C-alpha atoms as a PDB file:
ATOM      1  CA  MET A   1      -1.482  -8.486 -10.210  1.00  0.00           C
ATOM      2  CA  GLY A   2       0.758 -10.723  -8.206  1.00  0.00           C
ATOM      3  CA  ARG A   3      -0.036 -12.003  -4.731  1.00  0.00           C
ATOM      4  CA  TYR A   4       3.117 -12.111  -2.645  1.00  0.00           C
ATOM      5  CA  SER A   5       4.034 -13.446   0.769  1.00  0.00           C
ATOM      6  CA  ASN A   6       4.351 -10.746   3.424  1.00  0.00           C
ATOM      7  CA  ASP A   7       8.158 -10.579   3.242  1.00  0.00           C
ATOM      8  CA  GLY A   8       8.123 -10.783  -0.548  1.00  0.00           C
ATOM      9  CA  PHE A   9       5.624  -7.923  -0.683  1.00  0.00           C
ATOM     10  CA  LEU A  10       7.838  -5.703   1.476  1.00  0.00           C
ATOM     11  CA  THR A  11      10.823  -6.434  -0.770  1.00  0.00           C
ATOM     12  CA  ALA A  12       8.825  -5.708  -3.933  1.00  0.00           C
ATOM     13  CA  LEU A  13       7.410  -2.537  -2.356  1.00  0.00           C
ATOM     14  CA  ASP A  14      10.925  -1.289  -1.626  1.00  0.00           C
ATOM     15  CA  LYS A  15      11.854  -1.901  -5.296  1.00  0.00           C
ATOM     16  CA  GLN A  16       8.759   0.028  -6.404  1.00  0.00           C
ATOM     17  CA  PHE A  17       9.722   2.947  -4.162  1.00  0.00           C
ATOM     18  CA  ASN A  18      13.138   3.019  -5.870  1.00  0.00           C
ATOM     19  CA  ARG A  19      11.459   3.045  -9.307  1.00  0.00           C
ATOM     20  CA  VAL A  20       8.958   5.759  -8.365  1.00  0.00           C
ATOM     21  CA  ARG A  21      11.794   8.270  -7.934  1.00  0.00           C
ATOM     22  CA  THR A  22      12.137   8.372 -11.732  1.00  0.00           C
ATOM     23  CA  GLN A  23       8.581   7.770 -12.916  1.00  0.00           C
ATOM     24  CA  GLY A  24       4.954   8.206 -11.878  1.00  0.00           C
ATOM     25  CA  SER A  25       3.189   7.801  -8.560  1.00  0.00           C
ATOM     26  CA  LEU A  26       2.831   4.868  -6.201  1.00  0.00           C
ATOM     27  CA  PHE A  27      -0.632   4.161  -4.815  1.00  0.00           C
ATOM     28  CA  ILE A  28      -1.012   2.013  -1.682  1.00  0.00           C
ATOM     29  CA  THR A  29      -4.401   0.771  -0.467  1.00  0.00           C
ATOM     30  CA  LEU A  30      -5.334  -1.177   2.644  1.00  0.00           C
ATOM     31  CA  LYS A  31      -8.660  -2.975   2.865  1.00  0.00           C
ATOM     32  CA  ARG A  32     -10.414  -5.371   5.198  1.00  0.00           C
ATOM     33  CA  TYR A  33     -10.842  -8.723   3.509  1.00  0.00           C
ATOM     34  CA  VAL A  34     -13.128 -11.509   4.699  1.00  0.00           C
ATOM     35  CA  PRO A  35     -12.775 -14.639   2.538  1.00  0.00           C
ATOM     36  CA  LYS A  36     -16.030 -16.252   1.461  1.00  0.00           C
ATOM     37  CA  ALA A  37     -16.721 -19.931   0.899  1.00  0.00           C
ATOM     38  CA  PHE A  38     -16.669 -21.156  -2.687  1.00  0.00           C
ATOM     39  CA  LYS A  39     -19.954 -21.565  -4.583  1.00  0.00           C
ATOM     40  CA  SER A  40     -19.376 -25.295  -4.744  1.00  0.00           C
ATOM     41  CA  GLY A  41     -19.592 -25.432  -0.940  1.00  0.00           C
ATOM     42  CA  ARG A  42     -15.897 -26.055  -0.350  1.00  0.00           C
ATOM     43  CA  GLU A  43     -14.203 -24.248   2.519  1.00  0.00           C
ATOM     44  CA  ASN A  44     -11.895 -21.406   1.497  1.00  0.00           C
ATOM     45  CA  PRO A  45      -8.255 -22.327   2.275  1.00  0.00           C
ATOM     46  CA  GLU A  46      -7.645 -18.827   3.706  1.00  0.00           C
ATOM     47  CA  GLY A  47     -10.187 -19.537   6.434  1.00  0.00           C
ATOM     48  CA  SER A  48     -13.009 -17.267   7.524  1.00  0.00           C
ATOM     49  CA  GLU A  49     -11.225 -14.863   9.897  1.00  0.00           C
ATOM     50  CA  PRO A  50     -10.840 -11.241   8.756  1.00  0.00           C
ATOM     51  CA  LEU A  51      -7.627 -10.434   6.915  1.00  0.00           C
ATOM     52  CA  CYS A  52      -5.981  -7.223   5.717  1.00  0.00           C
ATOM     53  CA  LEU A  53      -5.503  -6.907   1.954  1.00  0.00           C
ATOM     54  CA  ILE A  54      -2.709  -4.521   0.976  1.00  0.00           C
ATOM     55  CA  ARG A  55      -2.136  -3.431  -2.618  1.00  0.00           C
ATOM     56  CA  ALA A  56       0.540  -1.247  -4.199  1.00  0.00           C
ATOM     57  CA  LYS A  57       0.248   0.016  -7.769  1.00  0.00           C
ATOM     58  CA  LEU A  58       2.885   1.750  -9.880  1.00  0.00           C
ATOM     59  CA  GLY A  59       1.691   2.301 -13.435  1.00  0.00           C
ATOM     60  CA  ASN A  60       0.589  -1.086 -14.778  1.00  0.00           C
ATOM     61  CA  ASN A  61       2.594  -3.025 -12.197  1.00  0.00           C
ATOM     62  CA  SER A  62       0.600  -3.968  -9.110  1.00  0.00           C
ATOM     63  CA  ILE A  63       1.448  -6.179  -6.153  1.00  0.00           C
ATOM     64  CA  SER A  64      -0.630  -7.354  -3.218  1.00  0.00           C
ATOM     65  CA  THR A  65      -0.493  -9.407  -0.046  1.00  0.00           C
ATOM     66  CA  VAL A  66      -2.913 -10.670   2.570  1.00  0.00           C
ATOM     67  CA  VAL A  67      -1.923 -10.250   6.219  1.00  0.00           C
ATOM     68  CA  PRO A  68      -3.579 -12.512   8.815  1.00  0.00           C
ATOM     69  CA  GLN A  69      -4.794 -10.983  12.050  1.00  0.00           C
ATOM     70  CA  LYS A  70      -2.065 -12.625  14.139  1.00  0.00           C
ATOM     71  CA  ASP A  71       0.762 -11.136  12.000  1.00  0.00           C
ATOM     72  CA  VAL A  72      -0.532  -7.564  11.739  1.00  0.00           C
ATOM     73  CA  ALA A  73       1.724  -6.050  14.431  1.00  0.00           C
ATOM     74  CA  LYS A  74       4.903  -7.572  12.955  1.00  0.00           C
ATOM     75  CA  PHE A  75       3.954  -6.617   9.395  1.00  0.00           C
ATOM     76  CA  GLN A  76       2.917  -3.089  10.373  1.00  0.00           C
ATOM     77  CA  SER A  77       6.263  -2.346  12.029  1.00  0.00           C
ATOM     78  CA  ALA A  78       8.184  -3.548   8.953  1.00  0.00           C
ATOM     79  CA  PHE A  79       5.770  -1.698   6.626  1.00  0.00           C
ATOM     80  CA  SER A  80       6.133   1.570   8.550  1.00  0.00           C
ATOM     81  CA  THR A  81       9.939   1.265   8.466  1.00  0.00           C
ATOM     82  CA  ILE A  82       9.848   1.001   4.666  1.00  0.00           C
ATOM     83  CA  LEU A  83       7.439   3.927   4.377  1.00  0.00           C
ATOM     84  CA  LYS A  84       9.533   6.166   6.649  1.00  0.00           C
ATOM     85  CA  GLY A  85      12.713   5.284   4.807  1.00  0.00           C
ATOM     86  CA  ASN A  86      11.302   6.113   1.374  1.00  0.00           C
ATOM     87  CA  MET A  87       9.324   9.275   2.045  1.00  0.00           C
ATOM     88  CA  ASP A  88      12.344  11.536   2.148  1.00  0.00           C
ATOM     89  CA  GLY A  89      11.758  13.131  -1.250  1.00  0.00           C
ATOM     90  CA  LEU A  90       8.441  14.769  -0.439  1.00  0.00           C
ATOM     91  CA  LYS A  91       8.227  18.442  -1.292  1.00  0.00           C
ATOM     92  CA  LYS A  92       6.008  21.046   0.263  1.00  0.00           C
ATOM     93  CA  PRO A  93       3.545  22.497  -2.240  1.00  0.00           C
ATOM     94  CA  GLU A  94       4.319  26.025  -3.315  1.00  0.00           C
ATOM     95  CA  LYS A  95       1.771  28.509  -2.125  1.00  0.00           C
ATOM     96  CA  LYS A  96       0.721  31.202  -4.532  1.00  0.00           C
ATOM     97  CA  LYS A  97       0.987  34.659  -3.098  1.00  0.00           C
ATOM     98  CA  VAL A  98      -2.247  36.580  -3.452  1.00  0.00           C
ATOM     99  CA  LYS A  99      -1.965  40.332  -3.594  1.00  0.00           C
ATOM    100  CA  GLU A 100      -4.844  42.144  -2.015  1.00  0.00           C
ATOM    101  CA  VAL A 101      -6.235  45.032  -3.972  1.00  0.00           C
ATOM    102  CA  LYS A 102      -7.965  47.626  -1.828  1.00  0.00           C
ATOM    103  CA  ASN A 103     -10.751  49.538  -3.489  1.00  0.00           C
ATOM    104  CA  LYS A 104     -11.678  52.841  -1.884  1.00  0.00           C
END
């Protein structure tokens, strides 16, 4: 699993969306992430403010990024643009027609 910068993650996510058209499913998860201090007592370099951890997984290939609180609005607008641009191939599920049998 590779940790990318925010812009690198968006680029890699776009590549995964292009690959998913031919194979498998793409799973995206968003999670609140609060970095903890190391056991040795050292301060974590990511700080202690809450972050947003975003992961994308296609088969065995997974990518992730951590978005700081101050960059969430900028990242979310770019992320939503990529999602809207790549969700054009969705199909409506076919509904099975159920025939009612009346018993008298």
